[in-house]
Structures are given as C-alpha cells and as structure tokens.
Amino acid sequence: MSKVLDLTQQRRRRGRVYFNRSELAQLLGLYFDRVASGEWRDYAIDHGVGIAVFSVFRHSQDKPLYGIAKVMEAQEPEYCVYEGRHRVRRGRTLADVLDLFERRLKLVRD
C-alpha cells in the first residue's frame, strides 16, 4: 500500500536557506574586487527552500556568469559554484569554493 506525504510539512522541515553575515562578507568582498577590476557589474541573491544563490553578472541584462549556491544537506551546508548549468566546484566551506576565483600568478618568459 502506498503512503501519502504532506509536502507542506516536508518544506517546513527543510526551511528556507539564507547566507549569514560572514558568508555575505566573503561574497561581497569577492564581488567588489571583481567590480573594481571591471569584470563584474551586477549581482542578485535568491533564497529558496533548501538553497540560497548569489549570482554575478557581467551586464544586468545577461545571464549570470556564475552562481554560488548554499545547499542544506541534512544539518551541514554544501557550497557549489555553477557556471551556467555546469557545476564547477563544490565544498563544505565557502572559502573552499571561492578559492576558484583566486587570481593566480602566471609565469611570463622573455
């Protein structure tokens, strides 16, 4: 026999996900650095059931360049960076996934 589930109870149990103050400080710090260099121009923050996403744009009318998501897995959050529909990196801390955007030095030879 099948069991009927009340989805409203499942959604309440899961709850909405938000970025906390320290996570927003990290995200906005990265954003402001990239705005200063002229790479990014706009951002959006979306909150939903089980996920929060910080999206960055080159132009306001474009699709997002990257989406940095916080997904609640059981009691622990998981962070992911998406480029379009492709997941580029995931990790257990926001610093781990933001390391993707760290500028690396390049060797230049004469």
PDB file of N, CA and C in Angstrom:
ATOM      1  N   MET A   1       0.831  -1.161   0.000  1.00  0.00           N
ATOM      2  CA  MET A   1       0.000   0.000   0.000  1.00  0.00           C
ATOM      3  C   MET A   1       0.896   1.251   0.000  1.00  0.00           C
ATOM      4  N   SER A   2       0.498   2.282  -0.673  1.00  0.00           N
ATOM      5  CA  SER A   2       1.298   3.498  -0.747  1.00  0.00           C
ATOM      6  C   SER A   2       0.955   4.449   0.394  1.00  0.00           C
ATOM      7  N   LYS A   3       1.905   5.324   0.696  1.00  0.00           N
ATOM      8  CA  LYS A   3       1.750   6.275   1.779  1.00  0.00           C
ATOM      9  C   LYS A   3       1.682   7.674   1.183  1.00  0.00           C
ATOM     10  N   VAL A   4       0.754   8.485   1.644  1.00  0.00           N
ATOM     11  CA  VAL A   4       0.593   9.851   1.161  1.00  0.00           C
ATOM     12  C   VAL A   4       1.421  10.777   2.051  1.00  0.00           C
ATOM     13  N   LEU A   5       2.246  11.603   1.413  1.00  0.00           N
ATOM     14  CA  LEU A   5       3.072  12.550   2.145  1.00  0.00           C
ATOM     15  C   LEU A   5       2.513  13.951   2.002  1.00  0.00           C
ATOM     16  N   ASP A   6       2.513  14.690   3.077  1.00  0.00           N
ATOM     17  CA  ASP A   6       2.101  16.097   3.045  1.00  0.00           C
ATOM     18  C   ASP A   6       3.339  16.928   2.727  1.00  0.00           C
ATOM     19  N   LEU A   7       3.438  17.461   1.508  1.00  0.00           N
ATOM     20  CA  LEU A   7       4.628  18.176   1.073  1.00  0.00           C
ATOM     21  C   LEU A   7       4.845  19.470   1.836  1.00  0.00           C
ATOM     22  N   THR A   8       3.787  20.087   2.346  1.00  0.00           N
ATOM     23  CA  THR A   8       3.973  21.316   3.112  1.00  0.00           C
ATOM     24  C   THR A   8       4.774  21.044   4.379  1.00  0.00           C
ATOM     25  N   GLN A   9       4.587  19.892   4.981  1.00  0.00           N
ATOM     26  CA  GLN A   9       5.368  19.533   6.165  1.00  0.00           C
ATOM     27  C   GLN A   9       6.832  19.301   5.798  1.00  0.00           C
ATOM     28  N   GLN A  10       7.087  18.690   4.654  1.00  0.00           N
ATOM     29  CA  GLN A  10       8.470  18.464   4.207  1.00  0.00           C
ATOM     30  C   GLN A  10       9.177  19.791   3.956  1.00  0.00           C
ATOM     31  N   ARG A  11       8.475  20.727   3.336  1.00  0.00           N
ATOM     32  CA  ARG A  11       9.074  22.034   3.044  1.00  0.00           C
ATOM     33  C   ARG A  11       9.360  22.800   4.321  1.00  0.00           C
ATOM     34  N   ARG A  12       8.448  22.744   5.277  1.00  0.00           N
ATOM     35  CA  ARG A  12       8.673  23.418   6.553  1.00  0.00           C
ATOM     36  C   ARG A  12       9.870  22.823   7.275  1.00  0.00           C
ATOM     37  N   ARG A  13      10.003  21.534   7.214  1.00  0.00           N
ATOM     38  CA  ARG A  13      11.110  20.864   7.875  1.00  0.00           C
ATOM     39  C   ARG A  13      12.436  21.280   7.257  1.00  0.00           C
ATOM     40  N   ARG A  14      12.438  21.404   5.952  1.00  0.00           N
ATOM     41  CA  ARG A  14      13.669  21.778   5.265  1.00  0.00           C
ATOM     42  C   ARG A  14      13.981  23.256   5.464  1.00  0.00           C
ATOM     43  N   GLY A  15      12.988  24.121   5.343  1.00  0.00           N
ATOM     44  CA  GLY A  15      13.156  25.542   5.597  1.00  0.00           C
ATOM     45  C   GLY A  15      13.889  26.297   4.513  1.00  0.00           C
ATOM     46  N   ARG A  16      13.771  27.616   4.595  1.00  0.00           N
ATOM     47  CA  ARG A  16      14.466  28.487   3.662  1.00  0.00           C
ATOM     48  C   ARG A  16      15.917  28.606   4.094  1.00  0.00           C
ATOM     49  N   VAL A  17      16.786  28.795   3.126  1.00  0.00           N
ATOM     50  CA  VAL A  17      18.215  28.906   3.387  1.00  0.00           C
ATOM     51  C   VAL A  17      18.641  30.333   3.074  1.00  0.00           C
ATOM     52  N   TYR A  18      19.465  30.879   3.951  1.00  0.00           N
ATOM     53  CA  TYR A  18      19.983  32.240   3.782  1.00  0.00           C
ATOM     54  C   TYR A  18      21.492  32.224   3.994  1.00  0.00           C
ATOM     55  N   PHE A  19      22.160  33.222   3.424  1.00  0.00           N
ATOM     56  CA  PHE A  19      23.575  33.423   3.706  1.00  0.00           C
ATOM     57  C   PHE A  19      23.680  34.183   5.019  1.00  0.00           C
ATOM     58  N   ASN A  20      24.610  33.772   5.885  1.00  0.00           N
ATOM     59  CA  ASN A  20      24.794  34.518   7.127  1.00  0.00           C
ATOM     60  C   ASN A  20      25.738  35.697   6.881  1.00  0.00           C
ATOM     61  N   ARG A  21      25.970  36.476   7.916  1.00  0.00           N
ATOM     62  CA  ARG A  21      26.742  37.713   7.782  1.00  0.00           C
ATOM     63  C   ARG A  21      28.165  37.461   7.290  1.00  0.00           C
ATOM     64  N   SER A  22      28.840  36.468   7.833  1.00  0.00           N
ATOM     65  CA  SER A  22      30.230  36.215   7.405  1.00  0.00           C
ATOM     66  C   SER A  22      30.282  35.705   5.963  1.00  0.00           C
ATOM     67  N   GLU A  23      29.308  34.898   5.560  1.00  0.00           N
ATOM     68  CA  GLU A  23      29.259  34.422   4.174  1.00  0.00           C
ATOM     69  C   GLU A  23      29.011  35.585   3.218  1.00  0.00           C
ATOM     70  N   LEU A  24      28.108  36.486   3.594  1.00  0.00           N
ATOM     71  CA  LEU A  24      27.855  37.660   2.746  1.00  0.00           C
ATOM     72  C   LEU A  24      29.094  38.550   2.660  1.00  0.00           C
ATOM     73  N   ALA A  25      29.821  38.674   3.762  1.00  0.00           N
ATOM     74  CA  ALA A  25      31.047  39.473   3.734  1.00  0.00           C
ATOM     75  C   ALA A  25      32.054  38.882   2.757  1.00  0.00           C
ATOM     76  N   GLN A  26      32.203  37.567   2.744  1.00  0.00           N
ATOM     77  CA  GLN A  26      33.122  36.913   1.802  1.00  0.00           C
ATOM     78  C   GLN A  26      32.658  37.102   0.366  1.00  0.00           C
ATOM     79  N   LEU A  27      31.366  36.899   0.128  1.00  0.00           N
ATOM     80  CA  LEU A  27      30.823  37.021  -1.229  1.00  0.00           C
ATOM     81  C   LEU A  27      30.930  38.449  -1.743  1.00  0.00           C
ATOM     82  N   LEU A  28      30.555  39.411  -0.912  1.00  0.00           N
ATOM     83  CA  LEU A  28      30.606  40.808  -1.355  1.00  0.00           C
ATOM     84  C   LEU A  28      32.044  41.307  -1.487  1.00  0.00           C
ATOM     85  N   GLY A  29      32.956  40.797  -0.670  1.00  0.00           N
ATOM     86  CA  GLY A  29      34.366  41.155  -0.822  1.00  0.00           C
ATOM     87  C   GLY A  29      34.905  40.721  -2.175  1.00  0.00           C
ATOM     88  N   LEU A  30      34.599  39.482  -2.561  1.00  0.00           N
ATOM     89  CA  LEU A  30      34.993  38.982  -3.879  1.00  0.00           C
ATOM     90  C   LEU A  30      34.326  39.800  -4.979  1.00  0.00           C
ATOM     91  N   TYR A  31      33.043  40.082  -4.797  1.00  0.00           N
ATOM     92  CA  TYR A  31      32.293  40.847  -5.800  1.00  0.00           C
ATOM     93  C   TYR A  31      32.898  42.236  -5.995  1.00  0.00           C
ATOM     94  N   PHE A  32      33.192  42.937  -4.902  1.00  0.00           N
ATOM     95  CA  PHE A  32      33.736  44.287  -5.016  1.00  0.00           C
ATOM     96  C   PHE A  32      35.115  44.288  -5.669  1.00  0.00           C
ATOM     97  N   ASP A  33      35.928  43.276  -5.390  1.00  0.00           N
ATOM     98  CA  ASP A  33      37.233  43.169  -6.050  1.00  0.00           C
ATOM     99  C   ASP A  33      37.073  43.014  -7.560  1.00  0.00           C
ATOM    100  N   ARG A  34      36.112  42.198  -7.974  1.00  0.00           N
ATOM    101  CA  ARG A  34      35.901  41.962  -9.412  1.00  0.00           C
ATOM    102  C   ARG A  34      35.225  43.162 -10.088  1.00  0.00           C
ATOM    103  N   VAL A  35      34.411  43.904  -9.356  1.00  0.00           N
ATOM    104  CA  VAL A  35      33.830  45.129  -9.912  1.00  0.00           C
ATOM    105  C   VAL A  35      34.935  46.155 -10.134  1.00  0.00           C
ATOM    106  N   ALA A  36      35.843  46.267  -9.172  1.00  0.00           N
ATOM    107  CA  ALA A  36      36.951  47.218  -9.293  1.00  0.00           C
ATOM    108  C   ALA A  36      37.836  46.898 -10.495  1.00  0.00           C
ATOM    109  N   SER A  37      37.976  45.613 -10.817  1.00  0.00           N
ATOM    110  CA  SER A  37      38.786  45.237 -11.977  1.00  0.00           C
ATOM    111  C   SER A  37      37.996  45.296 -13.287  1.00  0.00           C
ATOM    112  N   GLY A  38      36.692  45.567 -13.210  1.00  0.00           N
ATOM    113  CA  GLY A  38      35.863  45.718 -14.408  1.00  0.00           C
ATOM    114  C   GLY A  38      35.292  44.427 -14.955  1.00  0.00           C
ATOM    115  N   GLU A  39      35.428  43.317 -14.233  1.00  0.00           N
ATOM    116  CA  GLU A  39      34.946  42.025 -14.726  1.00  0.00           C
ATOM    117  C   GLU A  39      33.453  41.833 -14.489  1.00  0.00           C
ATOM    118  N   TRP A  40      32.981  42.205 -13.314  1.00  0.00           N
ATOM    119  CA  TRP A  40      31.582  42.002 -12.942  1.00  0.00           C
ATOM    120  C   TRP A  40      30.901  43.352 -12.764  1.00  0.00           C
ATOM    121  N   ARG A  41      29.589  43.374 -12.994  1.00  0.00           N
ATOM    122  CA  ARG A  41      28.869  44.644 -12.895  1.00  0.00           C
ATOM    123  C   ARG A  41      27.627  44.585 -12.013  1.00  0.00           C
ATOM    124  N   ASP A  42      27.067  43.412 -11.792  1.00  0.00           N
ATOM    125  CA  ASP A  42      25.812  43.323 -11.052  1.00  0.00           C
ATOM    126  C   ASP A  42      25.739  41.984 -10.326  1.00  0.00           C
ATOM    127  N   TYR A  43      24.883  41.904  -9.312  1.00  0.00           N
ATOM    128  CA  TYR A  43      24.684  40.652  -8.595  1.00  0.00           C
ATOM    129  C   TYR A  43      23.229  40.524  -8.178  1.00  0.00           C
ATOM    130  N   ALA A  44      22.845  39.319  -7.838  1.00  0.00           N
ATOM    131  CA  ALA A  44      21.500  39.035  -7.331  1.00  0.00           C
ATOM    132  C   ALA A  44      21.607  37.948  -6.274  1.00  0.00           C
ATOM    133  N   ILE A  45      20.740  38.022  -5.271  1.00  0.00           N
ATOM    134  CA  ILE A  45      20.693  37.000  -4.227  1.00  0.00           C
ATOM    135  C   ILE A  45      19.295  36.412  -4.223  1.00  0.00           C
ATOM    136  N   ASP A  46      19.204  35.107  -4.340  1.00  0.00           N
ATOM    137  CA  ASP A  46      17.922  34.393  -4.311  1.00  0.00           C
ATOM    138  C   ASP A  46      17.930  33.419  -3.139  1.00  0.00           C
ATOM    139  N   HIS A  47      16.812  33.389  -2.425  1.00  0.00           N
ATOM    140  CA  HIS A  47      16.658  32.464  -1.301  1.00  0.00           C
ATOM    141  C   HIS A  47      15.463  31.575  -1.585  1.00  0.00           C
ATOM    142  N   GLY A  48      15.604  30.305  -1.299  1.00  0.00           N
ATOM    143  CA  GLY A  48      14.509  29.380  -1.531  1.00  0.00           C
ATOM    144  C   GLY A  48      14.526  28.259  -0.517  1.00  0.00           C
ATOM    145  N   VAL A  49      13.647  27.310  -0.725  1.00  0.00           N
ATOM    146  CA  VAL A  49      13.568  26.161   0.157  1.00  0.00           C
ATOM    147  C   VAL A  49      14.778  25.263  -0.127  1.00  0.00           C
ATOM    148  N   GLY A  50      15.666  25.162   0.846  1.00  0.00           N
ATOM    149  CA  GLY A  50      16.815  24.286   0.714  1.00  0.00           C
ATOM    150  C   GLY A  50      18.011  24.857  -0.004  1.00  0.00           C
ATOM    151  N   ILE A  51      17.906  26.090  -0.579  1.00  0.00           N
ATOM    152  CA  ILE A  51      19.020  26.645  -1.359  1.00  0.00           C
ATOM    153  C   ILE A  51      19.002  28.168  -1.321  1.00  0.00           C
ATOM    154  N   ALA A  52      20.199  28.759  -1.315  1.00  0.00           N
ATOM    155  CA  ALA A  52      20.386  30.204  -1.490  1.00  0.00           C
ATOM    156  C   ALA A  52      21.458  30.370  -2.563  1.00  0.00           C
ATOM    157  N   VAL A  53      21.266  31.346  -3.463  1.00  0.00           N
ATOM    158  CA  VAL A  53      22.194  31.519  -4.585  1.00  0.00           C
ATOM    159  C   VAL A  53      22.601  32.985  -4.698  1.00  0.00           C
ATOM    160  N   PHE A  54      23.903  33.210  -4.823  1.00  0.00           N
ATOM    161  CA  PHE A  54      24.480  34.520  -5.092  1.00  0.00           C
ATOM    162  C   PHE A  54      24.949  34.481  -6.539  1.00  0.00           C
ATOM    163  N   SER A  55      24.285  35.229  -7.414  1.00  0.00           N
ATOM    164  CA  SER A  55      24.609  35.222  -8.850  1.00  0.00           C
ATOM    165  C   SER A  55      25.333  36.502  -9.228  1.00  0.00           C
ATOM    166  N   VAL A  56      26.332  36.396 -10.104  1.00  0.00           N
ATOM    167  CA  VAL A  56      27.061  37.569 -10.581  1.00  0.00           C
ATOM    168  C   VAL A  56      26.900  37.683 -12.091  1.00  0.00           C
ATOM    169  N   PHE A  57      26.861  38.940 -12.556  1.00  0.00           N
ATOM    170  CA  PHE A  57      26.591  39.238 -13.962  1.00  0.00           C
ATOM    171  C   PHE A  57      27.656  40.177 -14.513  1.00  0.00           C
ATOM    172  N   ARG A  58      27.939  40.017 -15.803  1.00  0.00           N
ATOM    173  CA  ARG A  58      28.797  40.973 -16.497  1.00  0.00           C
ATOM    174  C   ARG A  58      27.980  42.212 -16.856  1.00  0.00           C
ATOM    175  N   HIS A  59      26.761  42.004 -17.322  1.00  0.00           N
ATOM    176  CA  HIS A  59      25.817  43.087 -17.613  1.00  0.00           C
ATOM    177  C   HIS A  59      24.473  42.706 -17.007  1.00  0.00           C
ATOM    178  N   SER A  60      23.689  43.682 -16.636  1.00  0.00           N
ATOM    179  CA  SER A  60      22.422  43.422 -15.948  1.00  0.00           C
ATOM    180  C   SER A  60      21.455  42.587 -16.774  1.00  0.00           C
ATOM    181  N   GLN A  61      21.479  42.726 -18.084  1.00  0.00           N
ATOM    182  CA  GLN A  61      20.529  42.002 -18.930  1.00  0.00           C
ATOM    183  C   GLN A  61      21.001  40.605 -19.309  1.00  0.00           C
ATOM    184  N   ASP A  62      22.248  40.265 -19.018  1.00  0.00           N
ATOM    185  CA  ASP A  62      22.800  38.966 -19.398  1.00  0.00           C
ATOM    186  C   ASP A  62      22.387  37.871 -18.434  1.00  0.00           C
ATOM    187  N   LYS A  63      22.712  36.644 -18.828  1.00  0.00           N
ATOM    188  CA  LYS A  63      22.578  35.513 -17.909  1.00  0.00           C
ATOM    189  C   LYS A  63      23.711  35.615 -16.895  1.00  0.00           C
ATOM    190  N   PRO A  64      23.553  35.015 -15.721  1.00  0.00           N
ATOM    191  CA  PRO A  64      24.641  35.091 -14.742  1.00  0.00           C
ATOM    192  C   PRO A  64      25.912  34.391 -15.229  1.00  0.00           C
ATOM    193  N   LEU A  65      27.052  34.999 -14.937  1.00  0.00           N
ATOM    194  CA  LEU A  65      28.329  34.359 -15.236  1.00  0.00           C
ATOM    195  C   LEU A  65      28.533  33.174 -14.312  1.00  0.00           C
ATOM    196  N   TYR A  66      28.295  33.407 -13.018  1.00  0.00           N
ATOM    197  CA  TYR A  66      28.470  32.373 -12.001  1.00  0.00           C
ATOM    198  C   TYR A  66      27.328  32.445 -11.005  1.00  0.00           C
ATOM    199  N   GLY A  67      27.014  31.300 -10.444  1.00  0.00           N
ATOM    200  CA  GLY A  67      26.092  31.211  -9.328  1.00  0.00           C
ATOM    201  C   GLY A  67      26.793  30.484  -8.197  1.00  0.00           C
ATOM    202  N   ILE A  68      26.824  31.105  -7.032  1.00  0.00           N
ATOM    203  CA  ILE A  68      27.451  30.500  -5.860  1.00  0.00           C
ATOM    204  C   ILE A  68      26.316  30.091  -4.935  1.00  0.00           C
ATOM    205  N   ALA A  69      26.136  28.799  -4.753  1.00  0.00           N
ATOM    206  CA  ALA A  69      24.960  28.273  -4.056  1.00  0.00           C
ATOM    207  C   ALA A  69      25.326  27.687  -2.700  1.00  0.00           C
ATOM    208  N   LYS A  70      24.417  27.879  -1.767  1.00  0.00           N
ATOM    209  CA  LYS A  70      24.498  27.234  -0.451  1.00  0.00           C
ATOM    210  C   LYS A  70      23.312  26.292  -0.375  1.00  0.00           C
ATOM    211  N   VAL A  71      23.586  25.009  -0.292  1.00  0.00           N
ATOM    212  CA  VAL A  71      22.542  23.986  -0.279  1.00  0.00           C
ATOM    213  C   VAL A  71      22.597  23.272   1.061  1.00  0.00           C
ATOM    214  N   MET A  72      21.466  23.126   1.712  1.00  0.00           N
ATOM    215  CA  MET A  72      21.444  22.432   3.003  1.00  0.00           C
ATOM    216  C   MET A  72      21.334  20.934   2.766  1.00  0.00           C
ATOM    217  N   GLU A  73      22.346  20.213   3.216  1.00  0.00           N
ATOM    218  CA  GLU A  73      22.383  18.756   3.172  1.00  0.00           C
ATOM    219  C   GLU A  73      22.306  18.277   4.606  1.00  0.00           C
ATOM    220  N   ALA A  74      21.172  17.731   5.007  1.00  0.00           N
ATOM    221  CA  ALA A  74      20.935  17.321   6.400  1.00  0.00           C
ATOM    222  C   ALA A  74      21.121  18.553   7.284  1.00  0.00           C
ATOM    223  N   GLN A  75      22.098  18.567   8.161  1.00  0.00           N
ATOM    224  CA  GLN A  75      22.356  19.727   9.020  1.00  0.00           C
ATOM    225  C   GLN A  75      23.546  20.561   8.535  1.00  0.00           C
ATOM    226  N   GLU A  76      24.324  20.011   7.630  1.00  0.00           N
ATOM    227  CA  GLU A  76      25.523  20.683   7.136  1.00  0.00           C
ATOM    228  C   GLU A  76      25.259  21.334   5.787  1.00  0.00           C
ATOM    229  N   PRO A  77      25.689  22.592   5.600  1.00  0.00           N
ATOM    230  CA  PRO A  77      25.547  23.194   4.269  1.00  0.00           C
ATOM    231  C   PRO A  77      26.640  22.719   3.322  1.00  0.00           C
ATOM    232  N   GLU A  78      26.310  22.683   2.042  1.00  0.00           N
ATOM    233  CA  GLU A  78      27.287  22.399   0.998  1.00  0.00           C
ATOM    234  C   GLU A  78      27.278  23.597   0.064  1.00  0.00           C
ATOM    235  N   TYR A  79      28.450  24.018  -0.391  1.00  0.00           N
ATOM    236  CA  TYR A  79      28.579  25.178  -1.258  1.00  0.00           C
ATOM    237  C   TYR A  79      29.012  24.718  -2.644  1.00  0.00           C
ATOM    238  N   CYS A  80      28.422  25.326  -3.668  1.00  0.00           N
ATOM    239  CA  CYS A  80      28.735  24.963  -5.055  1.00  0.00           C
ATOM    240  C   CYS A  80      28.890  26.228  -5.885  1.00  0.00           C
ATOM    241  N   VAL A  81      29.759  26.165  -6.889  1.00  0.00           N
ATOM    242  CA  VAL A  81      29.890  27.236  -7.875  1.00  0.00           C
ATOM    243  C   VAL A  81      29.419  26.673  -9.203  1.00  0.00           C
ATOM    244  N   TYR A  82      28.489  27.386  -9.826  1.00  0.00           N
ATOM    245  CA  TYR A  82      27.954  26.986 -11.118  1.00  0.00           C
ATOM    246  C   TYR A  82      28.336  28.017 -12.165  1.00  0.00           C
ATOM    247  N   GLU A  83      28.721  27.518 -13.323  1.00  0.00           N
ATOM    248  CA  GLU A  83      28.935  28.359 -14.498  1.00  0.00           C
ATOM    249  C   GLU A  83      27.890  27.917 -15.505  1.00  0.00           C
ATOM    250  N   GLY A  84      26.841  28.705 -15.627  1.00  0.00           N
ATOM    251  CA  GLY A  84      25.681  28.266 -16.406  1.00  0.00           C
ATOM    252  C   GLY A  84      25.015  27.110 -15.679  1.00  0.00           C
ATOM    253  N   ARG A  85      24.850  26.001 -16.355  1.00  0.00           N
ATOM    254  CA  ARG A  85      24.245  24.821 -15.736  1.00  0.00           C
ATOM    255  C   ARG A  85      25.283  23.831 -15.213  1.00  0.00           C
ATOM    256  N   HIS A  86      26.547  24.138 -15.425  1.00  0.00           N
ATOM    257  CA  HIS A  86      27.615  23.212 -15.051  1.00  0.00           C
ATOM    258  C   HIS A  86      28.171  23.543 -13.671  1.00  0.00           C
ATOM    259  N   ARG A  87      28.255  22.529 -12.830  1.00  0.00           N
ATOM    260  CA  ARG A  87      28.860  22.719 -11.510  1.00  0.00           C
ATOM    261  C   ARG A  87      30.372  22.666 -11.678  1.00  0.00           C
ATOM    262  N   VAL A  88      31.027  23.748 -11.305  1.00  0.00           N
ATOM    263  CA  VAL A  88      32.461  23.876 -11.479  1.00  0.00           C
ATOM    264  C   VAL A  88      33.211  23.387 -10.246  1.00  0.00           C
ATOM    265  N   ARG A  89      32.675  23.683  -9.077  1.00  0.00           N
ATOM    266  CA  ARG A  89      33.336  23.275  -7.837  1.00  0.00           C
ATOM    267  C   ARG A  89      32.306  23.149  -6.725  1.00  0.00           C
ATOM    268  N   ARG A  90      32.597  22.257  -5.777  1.00  0.00           N
ATOM    269  CA  ARG A  90      31.763  22.146  -4.587  1.00  0.00           C
ATOM    270  C   ARG A  90      32.645  21.857  -3.388  1.00  0.00           C
ATOM    271  N   GLY A  91      32.150  22.227  -2.211  1.00  0.00           N
ATOM    272  CA  GLY A  91      32.926  22.023  -0.999  1.00  0.00           C
ATOM    273  C   GLY A  91      32.070  22.215   0.233  1.00  0.00           C
ATOM    274  N   ARG A  92      32.649  21.941   1.372  1.00  0.00           N
ATOM    275  CA  ARG A  92      31.942  22.045   2.652  1.00  0.00           C
ATOM    276  C   ARG A  92      32.041  23.435   3.268  1.00  0.00           C
ATOM    277  N   THR A  93      32.995  24.257   2.792  1.00  0.00           N
ATOM    278  CA  THR A  93      33.094  25.630   3.283  1.00  0.00           C
ATOM    279  C   THR A  93      33.054  26.592   2.099  1.00  0.00           C
ATOM    280  N   LEU A  94      32.600  27.794   2.358  1.00  0.00           N
ATOM    281  CA  LEU A  94      32.515  28.798   1.301  1.00  0.00           C
ATOM    282  C   LEU A  94      33.917  29.183   0.825  1.00  0.00           C
ATOM    283  N   ALA A  95      34.869  29.239   1.740  1.00  0.00           N
ATOM    284  CA  ALA A  95      36.247  29.587   1.359  1.00  0.00           C
ATOM    285  C   ALA A  95      36.830  28.578   0.366  1.00  0.00           C
ATOM    286  N   ASP A  96      36.467  27.315   0.521  1.00  0.00           N
ATOM    287  CA  ASP A  96      36.957  26.288  -0.410  1.00  0.00           C
ATOM    288  C   ASP A  96      36.493  26.552  -1.835  1.00  0.00           C
ATOM    289  N   VAL A  97      35.232  26.911  -2.001  1.00  0.00           N
ATOM    290  CA  VAL A  97      34.715  27.109  -3.358  1.00  0.00           C
ATOM    291  C   VAL A  97      35.106  28.477  -3.918  1.00  0.00           C
ATOM    292  N   LEU A  98      35.285  29.480  -3.049  1.00  0.00           N
ATOM    293  CA  LEU A  98      35.685  30.800  -3.533  1.00  0.00           C
ATOM    294  C   LEU A  98      37.152  30.822  -3.942  1.00  0.00           C
ATOM    295  N   ASP A  99      37.910  29.817  -3.531  1.00  0.00           N
ATOM    296  CA  ASP A  99      39.302  29.682  -3.949  1.00  0.00           C
ATOM    297  C   ASP A  99      39.407  29.579  -5.467  1.00  0.00           C
ATOM    298  N   LEU A 100      38.354  29.141  -6.116  1.00  0.00           N
ATOM    299  CA  LEU A 100      38.300  29.052  -7.577  1.00  0.00           C
ATOM    300  C   LEU A 100      38.555  30.414  -8.223  1.00  0.00           C
ATOM    301  N   PHE A 101      38.110  31.484  -7.559  1.00  0.00           N
ATOM    302  CA  PHE A 101      38.225  32.830  -8.122  1.00  0.00           C
ATOM    303  C   PHE A 101      39.517  33.537  -7.747  1.00  0.00           C
ATOM    304  N   GLU A 102      40.375  32.869  -6.972  1.00  0.00           N
ATOM    305  CA  GLU A 102      41.635  33.482  -6.578  1.00  0.00           C
ATOM    306  C   GLU A 102      42.505  33.678  -7.804  1.00  0.00           C
ATOM    307  N   ARG A 103      43.066  34.850  -7.886  1.00  0.00           N
ATOM    308  CA  ARG A 103      43.932  35.149  -9.031  1.00  0.00           C
ATOM    309  C   ARG A 103      45.273  34.459  -8.832  1.00  0.00           C
ATOM    310  N   ARG A 104      45.667  33.711  -9.808  1.00  0.00           N
ATOM    311  CA  ARG A 104      46.940  33.001  -9.738  1.00  0.00           C
ATOM    312  C   ARG A 104      47.979  33.731 -10.590  1.00  0.00           C
ATOM    313  N   LEU A 105      49.192  33.750 -10.104  1.00  0.00           N
ATOM    314  CA  LEU A 105      50.262  34.383 -10.855  1.00  0.00           C
ATOM    315  C   LEU A 105      50.644  33.514 -12.053  1.00  0.00           C
ATOM    316  N   LYS A 106      51.012  34.158 -13.140  1.00  0.00           N
ATOM    317  CA  LYS A 106      51.411  33.434 -14.341  1.00  0.00           C
ATOM    318  C   LYS A 106      52.893  33.713 -14.621  1.00  0.00           C
ATOM    319  N   LEU A 107      53.575  32.707 -15.081  1.00  0.00           N
ATOM    320  CA  LEU A 107      54.968  32.859 -15.447  1.00  0.00           C
ATOM    321  C   LEU A 107      55.053  33.436 -16.848  1.00  0.00           C
ATOM    322  N   VAL A 108      55.776  34.537 -16.970  1.00  0.00           N
ATOM    323  CA  VAL A 108      55.956  35.186 -18.259  1.00  0.00           C
ATOM    324  C   VAL A 108      57.439  35.117 -18.604  1.00  0.00           C
ATOM    325  N   ARG A 109      57.741  34.583 -19.767  1.00  0.00           N
ATOM    326  CA  ARG A 109      59.145  34.459 -20.196  1.00  0.00           C
ATOM    327  C   ARG A 109      59.416  35.381 -21.360  1.00  0.00           C
ATOM    328  N   ASP A 110      60.648  35.862 -21.375  1.00  0.00           N
ATOM    329  CA  ASP A 110      61.055  36.768 -22.470  1.00  0.00           C
ATOM    330  C   ASP A 110      61.416  35.995 -23.702  1.00  0.00           C
TER     331      ASP A 110
END
